[in-house]
C-alpha atoms as a PDB file:
ATOM      1  CA  UNK A   1     -13.815   2.130 194.733  1.00  0.00           C
ATOM      2  CA  UNK A   2     -16.794  -0.698 195.065  1.00  0.00           C
ATOM      3  CA  UNK A   3     -15.782  -0.740 198.828  1.00  0.00           C
ATOM      4  CA  UNK A   4     -16.341   2.602 198.813  1.00  0.00           C
ATOM      5  CA  UNK A   5     -19.907   1.214 197.339  1.00  0.00           C
ATOM      6  CA  UNK A   6     -20.729  -1.632 199.423  1.00  0.00           C
ATOM      7  CA  UNK A   7     -19.628   0.960 202.131  1.00  0.00           C
ATOM      8  CA  UNK A   8     -22.181   3.432 201.133  1.00  0.00           C
ATOM      9  CA  UNK A   9     -24.854   0.038 200.791  1.00  0.00           C
ATOM     10  CA  UNK A  10     -24.223  -1.124 203.688  1.00  0.00           C
ATOM     11  CA  UNK A  11     -25.022   2.338 206.143  1.00  0.00           C
ATOM     12  CA  UNK A  12     -28.077   2.720 203.419  1.00  0.00           C
ATOM     13  CA  UNK A  13     -30.750   1.009 205.329  1.00  0.00           C
ATOM     14  CA  UNK A  14     -32.363  -1.427 202.842  1.00  0.00           C
ATOM     15  CA  UNK A  15     -34.914   0.455 200.302  1.00  0.00           C
ATOM     16  CA  UNK A  16     -35.812   1.004 196.703  1.00  0.00           C
ATOM     17  CA  UNK A  17     -33.816   4.000 196.965  1.00  0.00           C
ATOM     18  CA  UNK A  18     -30.155   2.524 198.185  1.00  0.00           C
ATOM     19  CA  UNK A  19     -30.384  -0.495 195.849  1.00  0.00           C
ATOM     20  CA  UNK A  20     -30.960   2.332 192.768  1.00  0.00           C
ATOM     21  CA  UNK A  21     -28.164   3.840 194.183  1.00  0.00           C
ATOM     22  CA  UNK A  22     -25.674   0.399 194.321  1.00  0.00           C
ATOM     23  CA  UNK A  23     -27.239  -1.044 190.989  1.00  0.00           C
ATOM     24  CA  UNK A  24     -26.194   2.212 189.232  1.00  0.00           C
ATOM     25  CA  UNK A  25     -22.039   3.565 190.967  1.00  0.00           C
ATOM     26  CA  UNK A  26     -22.009  -0.237 189.965  1.00  0.00           C
ATOM     27  CA  UNK A  27     -22.820   0.614 185.969  1.00  0.00           C
ATOM     28  CA  UNK A  28     -20.588   3.282 186.688  1.00  0.00           C
ATOM     29  CA  UNK A  29     -17.587   1.929 188.641  1.00  0.00           C
ATOM     30  CA  UNK A  30     -18.239  -1.109 184.867  1.00  0.00           C
ATOM     31  CA  UNK A  31     -17.406   2.371 182.427  1.00  0.00           C
ATOM     32  CA  UNK A  32     -14.213   3.414 184.969  1.00  0.00           C
ATOM     33  CA  UNK A  33     -13.107   0.257 185.407  1.00  0.00           C
ATOM     34  CA  UNK A  34     -12.685  -1.800 181.779  1.00  0.00           C
ATOM     35  CA  UNK A  35     -10.924  -4.161 182.972  1.00  0.00           C
ATOM     36  CA  UNK A  36     -13.209  -5.406 185.489  1.00  0.00           C
ATOM     37  CA  UNK A  37     -16.073  -3.873 183.312  1.00  0.00           C
ATOM     38  CA  UNK A  38     -18.071  -7.404 184.001  1.00  0.00           C
ATOM     39  CA  UNK A  39     -17.399  -7.936 186.971  1.00  0.00           C
ATOM     40  CA  UNK A  40     -19.186  -5.073 188.115  1.00  0.00           C
ATOM     41  CA  UNK A  41     -22.118  -5.499 185.444  1.00  0.00           C
ATOM     42  CA  UNK A  42     -23.108  -8.141 187.062  1.00  0.00           C
ATOM     43  CA  UNK A  43     -23.192  -6.682 190.148  1.00  0.00           C
ATOM     44  CA  UNK A  44     -25.662  -4.059 189.075  1.00  0.00           C
ATOM     45  CA  UNK A  45     -27.722  -6.260 187.711  1.00  0.00           C
ATOM     46  CA  UNK A  46     -28.325  -8.328 190.087  1.00  0.00           C
ATOM     47  CA  UNK A  47     -29.011  -5.188 191.930  1.00  0.00           C
ATOM     48  CA  UNK A  48     -31.895  -3.643 189.089  1.00  0.00           C
ATOM     49  CA  UNK A  49     -33.728  -6.968 189.406  1.00  0.00           C
ATOM     50  CA  UNK A  50     -34.048  -6.284 192.441  1.00  0.00           C
ATOM     51  CA  UNK A  51     -34.961  -2.659 192.201  1.00  0.00           C
ATOM     52  CA  UNK A  52     -37.776  -4.277 189.391  1.00  0.00           C
ATOM     53  CA  UNK A  53     -38.934  -6.948 191.687  1.00  0.00           C
ATOM     54  CA  UNK A  54     -39.125  -4.346 194.176  1.00  0.00           C
ATOM     55  CA  UNK A  55     -40.874  -1.513 193.460  1.00  0.00           C
ATOM     56  CA  UNK A  56     -44.748  -0.600 194.153  1.00  0.00           C
ATOM     57  CA  UNK A  57     -44.746  -3.926 194.721  1.00  0.00           C
ATOM     58  CA  UNK A  58     -46.010  -4.701 198.778  1.00  0.00           C
ATOM     59  CA  UNK A  59     -42.523  -6.514 199.843  1.00  0.00           C
ATOM     60  CA  UNK A  60     -41.734  -8.204 203.137  1.00  0.00           C
ATOM     61  CA  UNK A  61     -39.098  -6.905 205.702  1.00  0.00           C
ATOM     62  CA  UNK A  62     -37.546 -10.185 205.481  1.00  0.00           C
ATOM     63  CA  UNK A  63     -37.288  -9.977 200.523  1.00  0.00           C
ATOM     64  CA  UNK A  64     -35.405  -6.910 201.235  1.00  0.00           C
ATOM     65  CA  UNK A  65     -32.565  -8.086 203.122  1.00  0.00           C
ATOM     66  CA  UNK A  66     -32.331 -11.154 201.174  1.00  0.00           C
ATOM     67  CA  UNK A  67     -31.866  -9.492 198.461  1.00  0.00           C
ATOM     68  CA  UNK A  68     -29.650  -6.810 200.042  1.00  0.00           C
ATOM     69  CA  UNK A  69     -27.893 -10.004 201.673  1.00  0.00           C
ATOM     70  CA  UNK A  70     -27.197 -11.144 199.071  1.00  0.00           C
ATOM     71  CA  UNK A  71     -26.241  -8.178 196.882  1.00  0.00           C
ATOM     72  CA  UNK A  72     -23.625  -8.449 199.688  1.00  0.00           C
ATOM     73  CA  UNK A  73     -22.512 -11.420 198.986  1.00  0.00           C
ATOM     74  CA  UNK A  74     -22.314 -10.890 195.568  1.00  0.00           C
ATOM     75  CA  UNK A  75     -20.060  -7.518 196.341  1.00  0.00           C
ATOM     76  CA  UNK A  76     -17.663  -8.917 198.900  1.00  0.00           C
ATOM     77  CA  UNK A  77     -16.766 -11.285 196.704  1.00  0.00           C
ATOM     78  CA  UNK A  78     -16.860  -9.444 193.322  1.00  0.00           C
ATOM     79  CA  UNK A  79     -13.767  -7.338 195.915  1.00  0.00           C
ATOM     80  CA  UNK A  80     -12.232  -9.547 196.617  1.00  0.00           C
ATOM     81  CA  UNK A  81     -11.616 -11.101 193.054  1.00  0.00           C
ATOM     82  CA  UNK A  82     -11.154  -7.971 191.798  1.00  0.00           C
ATOM     83  CA  UNK A  83      -7.295  -8.714 192.698  1.00  0.00           C
ATOM     84  CA  UNK A  84      -6.467 -12.067 191.337  1.00  0.00           C
ATOM     85  CA  UNK A  85      -6.024 -13.517 187.934  1.00  0.00           C
ATOM     86  CA  UNK A  86      -8.999 -13.791 185.439  1.00  0.00           C
ATOM     87  CA  UNK A  87      -9.182 -17.353 186.324  1.00  0.00           C
ATOM     88  CA  UNK A  88     -10.833 -16.273 189.884  1.00  0.00           C
ATOM     89  CA  UNK A  89     -12.124 -13.283 188.262  1.00  0.00           C
ATOM     90  CA  UNK A  90     -14.185 -15.773 185.951  1.00  0.00           C
ATOM     91  CA  UNK A  91     -15.484 -18.332 188.167  1.00  0.00           C
ATOM     92  CA  UNK A  92     -16.482 -15.534 190.337  1.00  0.00           C
ATOM     93  CA  UNK A  93     -19.148 -13.268 187.647  1.00  0.00           C
ATOM     94  CA  UNK A  94     -19.977 -17.350 186.771  1.00  0.00           C
ATOM     95  CA  UNK A  95     -20.330 -17.774 189.722  1.00  0.00           C
ATOM     96  CA  UNK A  96     -23.099 -14.002 190.540  1.00  0.00           C
ATOM     97  CA  UNK A  97     -24.853 -15.440 186.895  1.00  0.00           C
ATOM     98  CA  UNK A  98     -25.691 -19.077 188.278  1.00  0.00           C
ATOM     99  CA  UNK A  99     -27.406 -17.647 191.832  1.00  0.00           C
ATOM    100  CA  UNK A 100     -28.701 -14.717 189.723  1.00  0.00           C
ATOM    101  CA  UNK A 101     -30.185 -16.976 187.190  1.00  0.00           C
ATOM    102  CA  UNK A 102     -31.741 -19.479 189.859  1.00  0.00           C
ATOM    103  CA  UNK A 103     -33.672 -16.754 191.578  1.00  0.00           C
ATOM    104  CA  UNK A 104     -34.491 -14.928 188.157  1.00  0.00           C
ATOM    105  CA  UNK A 105     -35.307 -17.456 185.729  1.00  0.00           C
ATOM    106  CA  UNK A 106     -36.128 -16.352 182.013  1.00  0.00           C
END
């Protein structure tokens, strides 16, 4: 359940291992909860990109904390959208994608 994944991420220190675990858990949830797979996969992709950005690189605590806050903001939005209608779910996933593309352009 996403709320459990969020709680586990919040309980961990802001570190690469936490981002990896969050991404993996969201990807696993996407496979199990196929009706909401796009929402869960969007979270996994965002977290994975932070792993790629931070892993092996000198980053400040502020950068890692900012990434963690972004993931949590998106995760809470997804968690709220899970009980909503299809239009709200689509709007939520689109918001995550647009926000992510602004932060990580191709």
